Amino acid sequence: MNWRVVVRPEAQGDIADAAEWYEARQEGLGTEFREALIQVLDALADNPLLNCRQHPRKNIRWRYPQRFPYRVIYEVIETENLVVIAAVLHAARHDRHWKKRV
């Protein structure tokens, strides 16, 4: 079963900011960051339920891209076969940054 993956505008901004930061540190690293996130999104389209729930009442989960210390925080809406990417944040950031988005 394929799931539809939707990236919220706030998460798109997170991705752009992080990719820009990586690109400023080393040429091509921002592109590698984006490619790692594309792999995560493709994996979520295949099976978003693979990762554990991280919220007691909502179906919020997260997944880490390879090589980069970021969390892709997403909500699974099973009735619609929909995955909504709420945030892409550095793993060290406090949970309050993503909780206000869901």
Protein backbone atom coordinates (compact mmCIF):
# COMPACT_ATOMS: atom_id res chain seq x y z
CA MET A 1 0.00 0.00 0.00
CA ASN A 2 1.39 3.40 -0.93
CA TRP A 3 0.78 6.38 1.30
CA ARG A 4 0.49 9.96 0.13
CA VAL A 5 3.16 12.18 1.72
CA VAL A 6 2.48 15.90 2.16
CA VAL A 7 5.14 18.31 3.40
CA ARG A 8 3.75 21.32 5.26
CA PRO A 9 5.17 24.75 4.32
CA GLU A 10 6.85 25.08 7.73
CA ALA A 11 8.69 21.80 7.15
CA GLN A 12 9.71 22.94 3.67
CA GLY A 13 11.24 26.00 5.33
CA ASP A 14 13.05 23.77 7.83
CA ILE A 15 14.53 21.74 4.98
CA ALA A 16 15.60 24.82 3.02
CA ASP A 17 17.24 26.40 6.09
CA ALA A 18 19.15 23.25 7.03
CA ALA A 19 20.27 22.59 3.45
CA GLU A 20 21.48 26.17 3.15
CA TRP A 21 23.40 25.84 6.42
CA TYR A 22 25.07 22.61 5.28
CA GLU A 23 25.87 24.06 1.86
CA ALA A 24 27.57 27.06 3.51
CA ARG A 25 29.81 24.66 5.45
CA GLN A 26 30.77 22.46 2.51
CA GLU A 27 29.81 22.64 -1.14
CA GLY A 28 27.46 19.80 -2.07
CA LEU A 29 26.55 18.93 1.52
CA GLY A 30 23.21 20.74 1.28
CA THR A 31 22.34 18.59 -1.74
CA GLU A 32 23.31 15.45 0.17
CA PHE A 33 21.04 16.56 3.01
CA ARG A 34 18.11 16.98 0.63
CA GLU A 35 18.79 13.58 -0.95
CA ALA A 36 18.82 11.94 2.50
CA LEU A 37 15.43 13.53 3.21
CA ILE A 38 14.05 12.30 -0.11
CA GLN A 39 15.03 8.78 0.92
CA VAL A 40 13.12 9.24 4.19
CA LEU A 41 10.04 10.53 2.34
CA ASP A 42 10.17 7.58 -0.05
CA ALA A 43 10.40 5.18 2.90
CA LEU A 44 7.43 6.87 4.57
CA ALA A 45 5.38 6.47 1.40
CA ASP A 46 6.04 2.73 1.63
CA ASN A 47 5.44 2.23 5.38
CA PRO A 48 5.02 5.19 7.76
CA LEU A 49 3.88 2.91 10.60
CA LEU A 50 7.32 1.35 10.97
CA ASN A 51 8.44 3.91 13.56
CA CYS A 52 7.05 4.10 17.11
CA ARG A 53 4.42 6.61 18.15
CA GLN A 54 5.94 9.54 20.01
CA HIS A 55 2.78 11.28 21.22
CA PRO A 56 0.26 9.82 23.66
CA ARG A 57 -2.89 10.99 21.85
CA LYS A 58 -1.88 11.73 18.27
CA ASN A 59 -0.29 9.45 15.71
CA ILE A 60 2.95 11.45 15.67
CA ARG A 61 6.15 9.65 14.75
CA TRP A 62 9.61 10.53 13.57
CA ARG A 63 12.40 9.13 11.49
CA TYR A 64 16.06 10.05 11.16
CA PRO A 65 17.77 10.46 7.79
CA GLN A 66 21.09 8.71 7.33
CA ARG A 67 24.18 10.69 8.27
CA PHE A 68 22.39 13.85 9.44
CA PRO A 69 21.22 14.56 13.01
CA TYR A 70 17.72 15.67 12.06
CA ARG A 71 14.28 14.31 12.89
CA VAL A 72 11.56 14.15 10.28
CA ILE A 73 8.48 14.58 12.44
CA TYR A 74 5.26 13.41 10.85
CA GLU A 75 1.65 12.55 11.55
CA VAL A 76 -0.03 9.47 10.12
CA ILE A 77 -3.70 9.77 9.20
CA GLU A 78 -4.58 6.15 8.62
CA THR A 79 -8.15 6.73 7.45
CA GLU A 80 -6.85 8.73 4.48
CA ASN A 81 -3.54 6.86 3.86
CA LEU A 82 -1.86 10.20 4.44
CA VAL A 83 1.47 11.18 5.98
CA VAL A 84 1.86 14.85 6.92
CA ILE A 85 5.41 16.08 7.50
CA ALA A 86 5.08 18.66 10.28
CA ALA A 87 8.73 19.52 10.90
CA VAL A 88 12.32 18.68 10.05
CA LEU A 89 14.36 19.75 13.06
CA HIS A 90 17.80 19.14 14.48
CA ALA A 91 17.63 16.21 16.88
CA ALA A 92 18.97 18.34 19.74
CA ARG A 93 16.11 20.85 19.52
CA HIS A 94 13.55 20.75 22.28
CA ASP A 95 10.21 19.06 21.59
CA ARG A 96 8.28 22.30 22.09
CA HIS A 97 9.46 23.42 18.63
CA TRP A 98 7.51 20.69 16.82
CA LYS A 99 4.63 20.27 19.29
CA LYS A 100 3.20 23.66 18.45
CA ARG A 101 2.92 22.56 14.79
CA VAL A 102 0.74 19.50 15.35
